[in-house]
Protein backbone atom coordinates (compact mmCIF):
# COMPACT_ATOMS: atom_id res chain seq x y z
CA MET A 1 45.91 -63.11 -8.18
CA ILE A 2 42.88 -63.17 -10.51
CA ARG A 3 40.69 -64.28 -7.60
CA ARG A 4 41.90 -61.33 -5.49
CA ARG A 5 41.14 -58.90 -8.33
CA PHE A 6 37.68 -60.42 -8.78
CA LEU A 7 36.91 -60.07 -5.06
CA PHE A 8 38.17 -56.48 -5.03
CA GLY A 9 35.99 -55.61 -8.05
CA ALA A 10 32.94 -57.26 -6.49
CA LEU A 11 33.50 -55.31 -3.28
CA MET A 12 33.76 -51.99 -5.16
CA LEU A 13 30.59 -52.78 -7.11
CA ALA A 14 28.74 -53.58 -3.88
CA LEU A 15 29.91 -50.34 -2.25
CA PHE A 16 28.90 -48.31 -5.31
CA SER A 17 25.49 -50.00 -5.43
CA LEU A 18 24.99 -49.37 -1.72
CA GLY A 19 25.91 -45.69 -2.11
CA TRP A 20 23.53 -45.29 -5.07
CA TRP A 21 20.71 -47.02 -3.13
CA VAL A 22 21.25 -44.84 -0.05
CA GLY A 23 21.31 -41.68 -2.18
CA ARG A 24 18.18 -42.78 -4.05
CA ALA A 25 16.44 -43.57 -0.74
CA ALA A 26 17.39 -40.17 0.66
CA THR A 27 15.79 -38.37 -2.29
CA GLY A 28 13.08 -40.90 -3.09
CA ASP A 29 10.30 -38.77 -1.62
CA LEU A 30 11.52 -35.80 -3.65
CA TYR A 31 11.43 -37.71 -6.93
CA THR A 32 8.02 -39.18 -6.13
CA ASN A 33 6.55 -35.77 -5.40
CA LEU A 34 8.17 -34.30 -8.50
CA ASP A 35 6.43 -36.99 -10.54
CA VAL A 36 3.14 -35.99 -8.90
CA PHE A 37 3.76 -32.32 -9.64
CA VAL A 38 4.53 -32.99 -13.31
CA GLU A 39 1.39 -35.12 -13.63
CA VAL A 40 -0.76 -32.38 -12.02
CA LEU A 41 0.79 -29.79 -14.34
CA HIS A 42 -0.08 -31.92 -17.38
CA ARG A 43 -3.63 -32.51 -16.14
CA VAL A 44 -4.17 -28.79 -15.60
CA GLN A 45 -2.68 -27.86 -18.95
CA ASP A 46 -4.74 -30.44 -20.84
CA ASN A 47 -8.07 -30.30 -19.02
CA TYR A 48 -8.61 -26.99 -17.21
CA VAL A 49 -11.57 -25.01 -18.56
CA ASP A 50 -9.32 -22.15 -19.71
CA PRO A 51 -5.84 -22.37 -21.26
CA VAL A 52 -3.09 -22.21 -18.63
CA LYS A 53 0.43 -21.14 -19.51
CA PRO A 54 2.98 -23.56 -18.03
CA ALA A 55 5.23 -20.68 -16.91
CA ARG A 56 2.39 -19.17 -14.88
CA ALA A 57 1.57 -22.52 -13.27
CA VAL A 58 5.20 -23.20 -12.36
CA THR A 59 5.69 -19.68 -10.97
CA GLY A 60 2.59 -20.09 -8.81
CA ALA A 61 3.87 -23.41 -7.51
CA ILE A 62 7.26 -21.90 -6.64
CA GLU A 63 5.67 -18.94 -4.87
CA GLY A 64 3.39 -21.23 -2.89
CA MET A 65 6.27 -23.50 -1.88
CA LEU A 66 8.42 -20.62 -0.61
CA LYS A 67 5.52 -18.85 1.09
CA ASP A 68 4.88 -21.96 3.16
CA LEU A 69 8.41 -21.79 4.61
CA ASP A 70 8.51 -18.36 6.30
CA PRO A 71 7.64 -14.73 5.50
CA TYR A 72 11.11 -13.88 4.19
CA SER A 73 11.66 -16.66 1.61
CA GLN A 74 10.35 -15.50 -1.76
CA TYR A 75 10.48 -15.97 -5.51
CA LEU A 76 11.84 -12.81 -7.14
CA THR A 77 10.64 -11.95 -10.62
CA ALA A 78 12.94 -9.93 -12.86
CA ASP A 79 11.34 -6.70 -11.58
CA ASP A 80 11.51 -7.86 -7.97
CA TYR A 81 15.17 -8.81 -8.33
CA ALA A 82 16.09 -5.48 -9.91
CA GLY A 83 14.12 -3.65 -7.21
CA LEU A 84 15.94 -5.51 -4.45
CA GLN A 85 19.29 -4.54 -5.93
CA SER A 86 18.25 -0.88 -6.21
CA VAL A 87 17.14 -0.80 -2.56
CA ALA A 88 20.51 -2.22 -1.47
CA GLN A 89 22.13 0.63 -3.38
CA GLY A 90 19.94 3.12 -1.51
CA LYS A 91 17.84 4.43 -4.42
CA PHE A 92 14.32 3.60 -5.61
CA SER A 93 10.95 5.19 -6.36
CA GLY A 94 7.95 4.71 -4.11
CA ILE A 95 6.48 5.89 -0.80
CA GLY A 96 9.43 4.82 1.36
CA VAL A 97 8.18 2.21 3.81
CA VAL A 98 9.66 -1.11 4.97
CA VAL A 99 7.14 -3.90 5.59
CA GLY A 100 7.12 -7.38 7.07
CA LEU A 101 4.32 -9.92 7.42
CA HIS A 102 2.08 -10.15 10.48
CA GLY A 103 -0.46 -12.92 10.12
CA ASP A 104 -2.20 -12.58 6.76
CA PHE A 105 -1.41 -8.88 6.30
CA PRO A 106 1.75 -6.82 5.72
CA THR A 107 2.80 -4.67 8.66
CA VAL A 108 4.93 -1.53 8.67
CA ILE A 109 8.33 -2.18 10.24
CA SER A 110 9.30 1.43 9.75
CA PRO A 111 8.87 4.31 7.31
CA ILE A 112 12.08 5.59 5.71
CA GLU A 113 13.03 8.94 7.14
CA GLY A 114 12.09 11.88 4.93
CA SER A 115 9.89 9.75 2.66
CA PRO A 116 6.21 10.36 1.82
CA ALA A 117 5.25 7.60 4.28
CA TRP A 118 7.32 9.26 7.02
CA GLU A 119 5.88 12.70 6.36
CA ALA A 120 2.32 11.37 6.27
CA GLY A 121 2.73 9.79 9.71
CA LEU A 122 2.70 6.05 9.04
CA HIS A 123 3.95 4.22 12.14
CA SER A 124 5.75 1.02 12.95
CA GLY A 125 3.06 -1.60 13.61
CA ASP A 126 0.50 -0.15 11.18
CA VAL A 127 -1.24 -3.04 9.40
CA ILE A 128 -1.65 -2.31 5.69
CA VAL A 129 -5.04 -3.73 4.74
CA LYS A 130 -5.47 -2.20 1.29
CA ILE A 131 -3.38 -0.52 -1.40
CA ASP A 132 -5.59 1.44 -3.80
CA ALA A 133 -8.43 -1.00 -4.48
CA THR A 134 -6.39 -4.15 -3.78
CA SER A 135 -6.67 -6.08 -0.54
CA THR A 136 -3.26 -7.03 0.84
CA ALA A 137 -4.50 -10.23 2.49
CA GLU A 138 -1.98 -13.03 1.86
CA LEU A 139 0.28 -10.91 -0.37
CA THR A 140 4.01 -11.53 -0.09
CA VAL A 141 6.36 -8.75 0.97
CA GLU A 142 7.52 -8.43 -2.63
CA GLY A 143 3.91 -8.31 -3.80
CA VAL A 144 3.26 -5.40 -1.46
CA ALA A 145 6.44 -3.65 -2.60
CA LYS A 146 5.36 -3.98 -6.22
CA LEU A 147 2.07 -2.19 -5.45
CA LEU A 148 3.72 0.54 -3.40
CA ARG A 149 6.49 1.35 -5.84
CA GLY A 150 5.85 3.27 -9.01
CA GLY A 151 6.83 6.20 -11.12
CA GLU A 152 7.79 9.46 -9.47
CA GLY A 153 4.77 11.76 -9.12
CA THR A 154 2.18 8.97 -9.33
CA LYS A 155 -0.29 8.57 -6.48
CA VAL A 156 -1.24 5.64 -4.28
CA THR A 157 -3.75 5.28 -1.44
CA VAL A 158 -2.73 3.17 1.55
CA VAL A 159 -5.34 2.03 4.08
CA VAL A 160 -4.02 0.96 7.48
CA ALA A 161 -5.41 -0.38 10.74
CA ARG A 162 -3.65 0.86 13.86
CA GLU A 163 -3.83 -0.88 17.20
CA GLY A 164 -5.68 1.21 19.77
CA GLU A 165 -7.54 3.28 17.17
CA PRO A 166 -11.04 2.50 15.89
CA GLY A 167 -11.64 1.80 12.22
CA GLU A 168 -9.14 2.20 9.41
CA GLN A 169 -7.14 5.23 8.31
CA SER A 170 -6.59 6.18 4.66
CA TYR A 171 -3.43 7.95 3.44
CA ALA A 172 -3.18 9.42 -0.07
CA LEU A 173 0.52 9.51 -0.94
CA THR A 174 2.53 10.75 -3.90
CA ARG A 175 5.41 8.53 -4.92
CA ARG A 176 8.83 10.05 -5.42
CA GLU A 177 12.41 8.94 -5.78
CA ILE A 178 13.73 7.72 -2.45
CA VAL A 179 17.46 8.30 -2.11
CA THR A 180 18.35 7.06 1.32
CA GLN A 181 21.21 8.27 3.44
CA SER A 182 22.18 5.94 6.22
CA VAL A 183 23.11 8.91 8.43
CA PRO A 184 20.62 11.65 7.50
CA TYR A 185 22.01 13.85 10.28
CA ALA A 186 24.48 13.86 13.16
CA PHE A 187 25.04 16.83 15.46
CA MET A 188 26.14 18.01 18.87
CA ALA A 189 23.20 17.61 21.26
CA GLY A 190 24.98 19.00 24.30
CA ASN A 191 28.34 20.39 25.41
CA ASP A 192 30.13 17.11 24.77
CA LEU A 193 27.30 14.81 23.57
CA GLY A 194 27.29 13.67 19.95
CA TYR A 195 24.03 12.40 18.45
CA VAL A 196 24.20 10.06 15.42
CA ARG A 197 21.03 9.03 13.63
CA LEU A 198 21.49 5.77 11.69
CA ALA A 199 18.32 5.29 9.63
CA ASN A 200 19.19 2.18 7.56
CA PHE A 201 22.03 -0.08 6.45
CA SER A 202 23.01 0.28 2.81
CA GLU A 203 26.30 0.11 0.93
CA LYS A 204 27.86 3.20 2.56
CA SER A 205 26.52 2.96 6.12
CA GLY A 206 29.83 2.18 7.79
CA ALA A 207 31.59 5.02 6.00
CA GLU A 208 28.82 7.49 6.82
CA VAL A 209 28.90 6.60 10.53
CA ARG A 210 32.70 6.84 10.55
CA ASP A 211 32.61 10.29 8.97
CA ALA A 212 29.94 11.48 11.42
CA LEU A 213 31.88 10.27 14.46
CA THR A 214 35.10 11.88 13.21
CA ARG A 215 33.36 15.21 12.68
CA LEU A 216 31.61 15.14 16.06
CA ARG A 217 34.84 14.31 17.91
CA ALA A 218 36.44 17.31 16.21
CA GLU A 219 33.54 19.41 17.50
CA GLY A 220 34.17 18.23 21.07
CA ALA A 221 32.04 15.09 21.49
CA ARG A 222 33.24 12.79 24.28
CA CYS A 223 30.15 10.56 24.53
CA PHE A 224 27.60 9.44 21.98
CA VAL A 225 24.00 8.43 21.37
CA LEU A 226 23.55 6.05 18.42
CA ASP A 227 19.88 6.18 17.42
CA LEU A 228 18.69 2.96 15.73
CA ARG A 229 14.98 3.49 16.30
CA MET A 230 12.80 2.70 13.28
CA ASN A 231 15.87 1.35 11.46
CA PRO A 232 14.69 -1.71 9.46
CA GLY A 233 18.20 -3.05 8.88
CA GLY A 234 19.96 -4.01 5.67
CA LEU A 235 23.40 -5.29 4.72
CA LEU A 236 25.21 -7.59 7.15
CA ASP A 237 28.70 -6.38 6.29
CA GLN A 238 27.65 -2.81 7.07
CA ALA A 239 26.28 -3.87 10.46
CA VAL A 240 29.69 -5.35 11.23
CA ASP A 241 31.40 -2.19 9.97
CA VAL A 242 29.28 0.02 12.25
CA ALA A 243 29.68 -2.17 15.34
CA GLU A 244 33.45 -2.53 14.98
CA GLN A 245 33.84 1.25 15.20
CA PHE A 246 33.12 0.93 18.92
CA LEU A 247 34.87 -2.38 19.62
CA PRO A 248 38.45 -3.60 20.06
CA LYS A 249 40.01 -5.41 17.13
CA GLY A 250 39.20 -9.12 17.18
CA ALA A 251 35.92 -8.84 19.12
CA MET A 252 33.19 -11.07 17.66
CA VAL A 253 30.25 -9.04 16.36
CA VAL A 254 27.84 -11.74 15.18
CA SER A 255 27.71 -15.33 13.99
CA THR A 256 25.34 -17.17 11.67
CA ARG A 257 24.20 -20.78 11.88
CA GLY A 258 22.31 -22.70 9.23
CA ARG A 259 21.69 -26.24 8.02
CA ALA A 260 24.23 -25.97 5.22
CA ARG A 261 27.80 -26.02 6.50
CA ASN A 262 28.83 -22.91 4.56
CA GLN A 263 26.17 -20.90 6.44
CA ASP A 264 28.04 -21.21 9.75
CA GLN A 265 30.10 -18.04 9.85
CA ARG A 266 31.64 -15.73 12.44
CA TYR A 267 32.26 -12.03 11.92
CA TYR A 268 34.85 -10.13 13.95
CA ALA A 269 35.84 -6.51 14.37
CA GLY A 270 38.75 -6.01 12.01
CA HIS A 271 41.10 -3.30 10.81
CA ALA A 272 42.24 -0.76 13.37
CA ALA A 273 40.79 -0.85 16.87
CA GLY A 274 37.58 1.10 17.26
CA ASP A 275 36.61 3.70 19.85
CA VAL A 276 36.53 1.80 23.16
CA ARG A 277 36.75 4.82 25.49
CA SER A 278 33.70 6.96 24.80
CA PRO A 279 30.55 6.33 26.86
CA LEU A 280 27.84 5.12 24.48
CA VAL A 281 24.06 4.67 24.56
CA VAL A 282 22.12 2.91 21.78
CA LEU A 283 18.42 3.67 21.22
CA ILE A 284 16.09 0.99 19.80
CA ASP A 285 12.36 0.38 19.44
CA GLU A 286 9.95 -2.11 17.85
CA GLY A 287 10.91 -0.75 14.41
CA SER A 288 14.59 -1.69 14.86
CA ALA A 289 15.21 -4.89 12.91
CA SER A 290 17.83 -7.13 11.34
CA ALA A 291 21.18 -5.29 11.05
CA SER A 292 20.04 -2.83 13.75
CA GLU A 293 19.58 -5.74 16.13
CA ILE A 294 23.00 -7.11 15.22
CA VAL A 295 24.66 -3.82 16.20
CA ALA A 296 22.59 -3.33 19.35
CA GLY A 297 23.02 -6.98 20.39
CA ALA A 298 26.79 -6.98 19.92
CA LEU A 299 27.33 -3.71 21.81
CA GLN A 300 25.03 -4.93 24.59
CA ASP A 301 26.60 -8.40 24.89
CA LEU A 302 30.12 -6.98 25.04
CA ASP A 303 29.07 -4.35 27.62
CA ARG A 304 30.17 -1.61 25.25
CA ALA A 305 26.88 0.32 25.26
CA LEU A 306 23.76 0.74 27.33
CA VAL A 307 20.64 -0.03 25.27
CA ILE A 308 17.56 2.11 25.97
CA GLY A 309 14.09 2.06 24.45
CA ARG A 310 11.62 -0.65 23.52
CA THR A 311 12.15 -4.29 22.54
CA SER A 312 13.21 -4.61 18.91
CA PHE A 313 11.35 -6.35 16.08
CA GLY A 314 13.08 -9.73 16.28
CA LYS A 315 14.10 -10.24 12.64
CA GLY A 316 17.24 -12.32 13.14
CA SER A 317 17.27 -14.50 10.04
CA VAL A 318 19.69 -14.53 7.11
CA GLN A 319 18.35 -14.43 3.56
CA SER A 320 20.57 -15.59 0.70
CA ILE A 321 19.88 -14.68 -2.92
CA TYR A 322 20.17 -17.45 -5.51
CA PRO A 323 19.89 -16.24 -9.14
CA LEU A 324 18.21 -18.86 -11.32
CA SER A 325 20.29 -20.15 -14.22
CA GLY A 326 19.71 -18.47 -17.56
CA MET A 327 17.05 -16.14 -16.16
CA ASP A 328 16.74 -12.66 -14.66
CA THR A 329 14.89 -14.10 -11.69
CA ALA A 330 16.07 -15.42 -8.33
CA ILE A 331 14.89 -16.89 -5.08
CA LYS A 332 15.46 -15.30 -1.70
CA LEU A 333 15.81 -18.08 0.84
CA THR A 334 16.19 -18.04 4.61
CA THR A 335 19.39 -20.00 5.16
CA ALA A 336 20.54 -19.21 8.70
CA LEU A 337 19.88 -17.29 11.90
CA TYR A 338 21.95 -14.53 13.50
CA TYR A 339 23.48 -15.06 16.93
CA THR A 340 24.94 -12.36 19.15
CA PRO A 341 28.37 -12.77 20.80
CA SER A 342 26.80 -14.37 23.90
CA GLY A 343 25.19 -17.02 21.67
CA ARG A 344 21.58 -15.81 21.78
CA SER A 345 19.28 -15.77 18.78
CA ILE A 346 17.38 -12.52 18.34
CA HIS A 347 14.86 -14.10 15.97
CA ARG A 348 11.18 -14.21 16.85
CA PRO A 349 9.52 -16.86 14.62
CA ARG A 350 6.53 -15.60 12.62
CA LEU A 351 5.15 -18.93 11.40
CA ALA A 352 4.57 -22.20 13.26
CA GLY A 353 7.20 -24.77 12.39
CA PHE A 354 9.63 -22.26 10.88
CA ASP A 355 12.23 -22.95 13.56
CA PRO A 356 11.44 -26.17 15.45
CA ASN A 357 14.06 -25.44 18.09
CA ALA A 358 12.81 -21.95 18.88
CA GLU A 359 10.32 -20.74 21.45
CA PRO A 360 6.58 -20.85 20.58
CA ASP A 361 5.35 -18.40 17.98
CA ASP A 362 4.75 -14.83 19.07
CA PRO A 363 3.82 -12.74 16.05
CA THR A 364 3.29 -9.61 18.13
CA PRO A 365 6.28 -7.31 18.65
CA ALA A 366 7.30 -7.36 22.29
CA ASP A 367 6.15 -4.48 24.46
CA SER A 368 8.79 -3.08 26.77
CA SER A 369 6.10 -2.00 29.21
CA GLN A 370 5.38 -5.67 29.93
CA ASP A 371 7.56 -8.51 31.16
CA THR A 372 8.20 -10.41 27.92
CA THR A 373 11.33 -12.22 29.08
CA VAL A 374 9.84 -14.78 31.48
CA THR A 375 9.85 -17.71 29.05
CA ARG A 376 12.86 -16.68 26.98
CA PRO A 377 16.28 -18.32 27.39
CA VAL A 378 18.81 -16.54 29.61
CA PHE A 379 22.30 -15.54 28.49
CA HIS A 380 25.01 -13.38 30.05
CA THR A 381 27.05 -10.49 28.74
CA ALA A 382 30.84 -10.41 28.99
CA ALA A 383 30.50 -8.75 32.41
CA GLY A 384 27.83 -11.17 33.61
CA ARG A 385 24.70 -9.07 33.05
CA ILE A 386 21.57 -11.05 32.13
CA VAL A 387 20.18 -10.77 28.58
CA HIS A 388 17.51 -12.84 26.84
CA GLY A 389 17.32 -14.53 23.45
CA GLY A 390 14.59 -15.52 21.02
CA GLY A 391 12.52 -12.34 20.90
CA GLY A 392 14.44 -9.34 19.64
CA ILE A 393 16.81 -7.20 21.70
CA THR A 394 15.35 -6.27 25.07
CA PRO A 395 16.73 -2.90 26.22
CA ASP A 396 18.69 -2.52 29.45
CA VAL A 397 16.46 0.45 30.27
CA ALA A 398 12.85 0.47 29.07
CA GLY A 399 11.55 3.63 27.49
CA PRO A 400 7.97 4.74 26.91
CA ALA A 401 6.29 4.48 23.55
CA ASP A 402 6.32 7.61 21.43
CA SER A 403 2.61 8.32 21.85
CA LEU A 404 0.54 11.48 21.44
CA ALA A 405 -2.72 12.59 23.01
CA GLY A 406 -5.92 12.61 20.97
CA LEU A 407 -5.82 16.04 19.35
CA ALA A 408 -2.07 16.09 18.74
CA ARG A 409 -2.28 12.60 17.26
CA GLU A 410 -5.04 13.63 14.84
CA ILE A 411 -3.09 16.70 13.77
CA GLU A 412 -0.02 14.57 13.07
CA ARG A 413 -2.05 11.85 11.32
CA ARG A 414 -3.49 14.36 8.88
CA GLY A 415 -0.12 16.04 8.36
CA LEU A 416 -1.52 19.44 9.33
CA THR A 417 1.64 20.83 10.89
CA PHE A 418 3.60 19.77 7.81
CA ARG A 419 1.11 21.46 5.47
CA PHE A 420 0.79 24.57 7.63
CA ALA A 421 4.57 25.03 7.72
CA ASN A 422 4.72 24.84 3.93
CA LYS A 423 1.98 27.46 3.64
CA TRP A 424 3.47 29.78 6.26
CA VAL A 425 7.01 29.70 4.86
CA ASN A 426 5.70 30.32 1.34
CA GLU A 427 3.70 33.32 2.53
CA HIS A 428 6.43 34.69 4.84
CA PRO A 429 9.81 34.49 3.06
CA GLY A 430 12.76 34.80 5.41
CA VAL A 431 11.01 33.31 8.45
CA THR A 432 13.41 31.50 10.82
CA ALA A 433 12.89 28.85 13.48
CA SER A 434 12.98 29.98 17.10
CA ALA A 435 13.15 28.50 20.60
CA THR A 436 9.53 29.47 21.17
CA LEU A 437 6.65 29.85 18.78
CA PRO A 438 5.54 33.48 18.28
CA GLU A 439 1.94 34.11 19.29
CA THR A 440 1.13 35.33 15.78
CA ILE A 441 2.08 31.93 14.31
CA TRP A 442 0.19 30.04 17.03
CA SER A 443 -2.96 32.06 16.33
CA ALA A 444 -2.54 31.53 12.59
CA PHE A 445 -2.18 27.79 13.15
CA GLY A 446 -5.39 27.71 15.18
CA ALA A 447 -7.19 29.45 12.34
CA TYR A 448 -5.67 27.00 9.86
CA LEU A 449 -6.98 24.05 11.88
CA ARG A 450 -10.47 25.49 11.85
CA GLY A 451 -10.21 25.97 8.09
CA GLU A 452 -9.29 22.29 7.77
CA ASN A 453 -12.48 21.35 9.65
CA LEU A 454 -10.60 19.91 12.60
CA LYS A 455 -13.07 19.56 15.43
CA ALA A 456 -11.24 20.90 18.48
CA GLU A 457 -12.39 22.95 21.41
CA ASP A 458 -10.20 25.91 22.35
CA GLY A 459 -9.65 24.30 25.75
CA ALA A 460 -8.38 21.06 24.19
CA LEU A 461 -5.99 22.96 21.94
CA ALA A 462 -4.69 24.96 24.91
CA ALA A 463 -4.30 21.80 27.03
CA GLU A 464 -2.05 20.19 24.42
CA ARG A 465 -0.33 23.40 23.33
CA ALA A 466 3.18 22.42 24.46
CA VAL A 467 3.21 19.26 22.33
CA ILE A 468 1.44 20.78 19.33
CA GLU A 469 3.56 23.92 19.42
CA ARG A 470 6.72 21.83 19.35
CA SER A 471 5.35 20.01 16.28
CA VAL A 472 4.78 23.32 14.51
CA ARG A 473 8.29 24.51 15.43
CA ARG A 474 9.70 21.22 14.18
CA GLU A 475 8.09 21.52 10.76
CA LEU A 476 9.01 25.20 10.41
CA ALA A 477 12.59 24.23 11.24
CA ARG A 478 12.47 21.49 8.62
CA ARG A 479 11.49 24.00 5.93
CA THR A 480 14.12 26.55 6.96
CA GLY A 481 16.98 24.39 8.25
CA GLY A 482 16.48 20.84 6.99
CA ASP A 483 15.89 17.52 8.73
CA ALA A 484 18.70 17.99 11.24
CA ALA A 485 17.14 21.23 12.49
CA ALA A 486 13.78 19.50 12.78
CA MET A 487 15.30 16.63 14.76
CA ARG A 488 16.94 18.98 17.25
CA ILE A 489 13.49 20.27 18.15
CA ALA A 490 11.94 16.78 18.16
CA LEU A 491 14.55 15.64 20.70
CA GLU A 492 13.34 18.32 23.12
CA GLY A 493 10.27 16.22 23.86
CA ASP A 494 11.88 12.81 23.36
CA ALA A 495 11.74 11.02 26.74
CA VAL A 496 13.99 8.15 25.60
CA PHE A 497 16.69 10.48 24.33
CA GLY A 498 16.32 12.57 27.49
CA ARG A 499 17.02 9.51 29.64
CA ALA A 500 20.09 8.69 27.54
CA ALA A 501 21.42 12.25 27.82
CA ALA A 502 20.93 12.26 31.61
CA ILE A 503 22.84 8.99 31.98
CA LEU A 504 25.69 10.17 29.77
CA GLU A 505 25.95 13.41 31.71
CA HIS A 506 27.26 11.40 34.68
CA SER A 507 29.38 8.90 32.72
CA LEU A 508 33.08 9.45 32.22
CA ARG A 509 34.01 5.91 31.13
CA PRO A 510 32.12 3.35 29.01
CA GLY A 511 31.21 1.19 32.02
CA ASP A 512 29.78 4.14 33.93
CA VAL A 513 26.59 4.07 31.87
CA PHE A 514 25.50 0.81 33.53
CA ALA A 515 26.02 2.06 37.08
CA THR A 516 24.38 5.38 36.27
CA ALA A 517 21.35 3.64 34.76
CA VAL A 518 20.57 1.92 38.09
CA GLY A 519 21.21 5.06 40.12
CA ASP A 520 24.61 4.15 41.59
CA ARG A 521 26.46 7.43 41.06
CA SER A 522 28.50 7.38 44.26
CA HIS A 523 31.82 7.12 42.41
CA LEU A 524 30.90 9.30 39.43
CA PRO A 525 31.79 13.00 39.33
CA ALA A 526 29.54 15.24 37.26
CA ARG A 527 30.73 15.79 33.71
C-alpha cells in the first residue's frame, strides 16, 4: 500500500515537473528578452548623457513594439483613450477627418461629412505630409489625431499630396466641435426611390437607419439606395444592426477569427425579420472601410443587394481595447479579422508579415477601373455569383471616380463656391435655391473668381459651366436648405447614383437588380 502511494506521488511529481518545464520552455524566449530589456533600461538610465525618465523609456518601447505589428495596434495614452471613447460616442473637437497609414505617412480614408475637412475639399487618398510645422512621417494614427484635434475655434494647417496633382496643397482649417450623425440625411430621390446616406457607424447608427427607412416607406419608397461611400466604419454591433434590417432573421452577417479562441465569433441577424422584399443597391468607394465593408459584404454575399461603385478600402481587422491595470491608458490591439458570410476576408494587409496567410502586400487602394481580382481568392455568393476576398469589397458594377476637370477642381479645392455662397446669401437675404442658376448669380460668381485671382479664361469657364454651376447651386442650397438640399443637387451629376437609380427603375423584386445590371430586362416590366 505504501509502495503504491509512493509510486503515485512520484508520478504526480514527474508530471508536474514536466508541465513546468514545458511552460518554461514555451516562454523562455520571452523571459530572456525581458531580461535584456530591463538591462538596456538600466544602462540607459544610468549612463545616457541626459537624464531619462523610466516612464518615457517604457512608453517608447511599448509604442515601438506595437507599431511593428500593424498600423492599427497602438498604445493609447490617457488623452488618446478618452478621445477614442468620445469618437465612439459621436462627439469630438477637430477638423473631422479619418486617417489610416499608407507607407510612412498618414492617408485620408474619408473626411466626416459637414466637417471643416469636408468643406475644404480633402479627399480620400490624400497623403498628409505635414500638420502645421510638424512632419507626419512615421507618426501613428493616434499621433496624427492628437495634432489634428484641438480646441474649438483654433486653427491648423494641413499639407497634403494628392495623386495625379503636382506638388503639395496646403489647407488652413479652423477646428470646431464635430457632432456626427450616422444618417445626416435621407430623402425621396424619385417617385418610389428612397435614398439613405450612412456616413459613419457610431452608437446610434442602427436606430438612425431604422428611423430613416420607416419614414421613407411612409412617404412611398419601394426601393432603396444605401450610400456607404466615404464611410470609414466604426462599431461592429452597429454594422450588424444595419445589415439585419435588410436580412431574414438568422442570416449570418459576419464572423471574426483570431488566434485566441474567444476571438472566433459569429454574428447573426436577430430580432424581427428585416426588409427582404425591397430592391436594394449599396454604393461604396475607396473611402468605405471597416463596418461599411461588413454591411456591403454581407448584403452582397447573401444576394440581398447589388453593390455599385469602386473597390473599398480593405480594412477588415478587429481591434480590441485592453485598459491597463491601475492606469487611464490602454492598448488597442488587432486580435482578429472579419469574414463575410461566404468566408472571404476583406482585409488588405498594410505591412509585410502582418498576416502570413494573406495575399502579398498591396498598400494601394484597389482601383475599380483596373482588374484587381486576378490573384485574389474566389468565393461564391448564396446564389453562386463570384466574389473575391483579400482586398476590400469589389463592386458588382464598377463606377467611375468622382473626378473634376482642371478649373472645377481648382475652384472646389480652394472652397470658392462655398465662400461665394456664404457671401451671396449674406448680401441677399431671402434668396432660395432653384433648378437653374440665374444669370445674375452666374455673372456675380465669375466676378468673384476674378477677385480671388483665379486664373481662368472666359472660354474655360464657359466650357465647364454645367459642372461649376451645379456646385454653386449646391452650396446655395446648403445655406438655404441644409445638407440634404445640397445633396439632392449633388446627386444630379452623380454617375454612380444615376446608374443605381436606372437599375432600380426596372427592378420590382430584390433579385431583379442583378439581371437588370447585366442588361437582361426581358422579364421585367417598367416600374
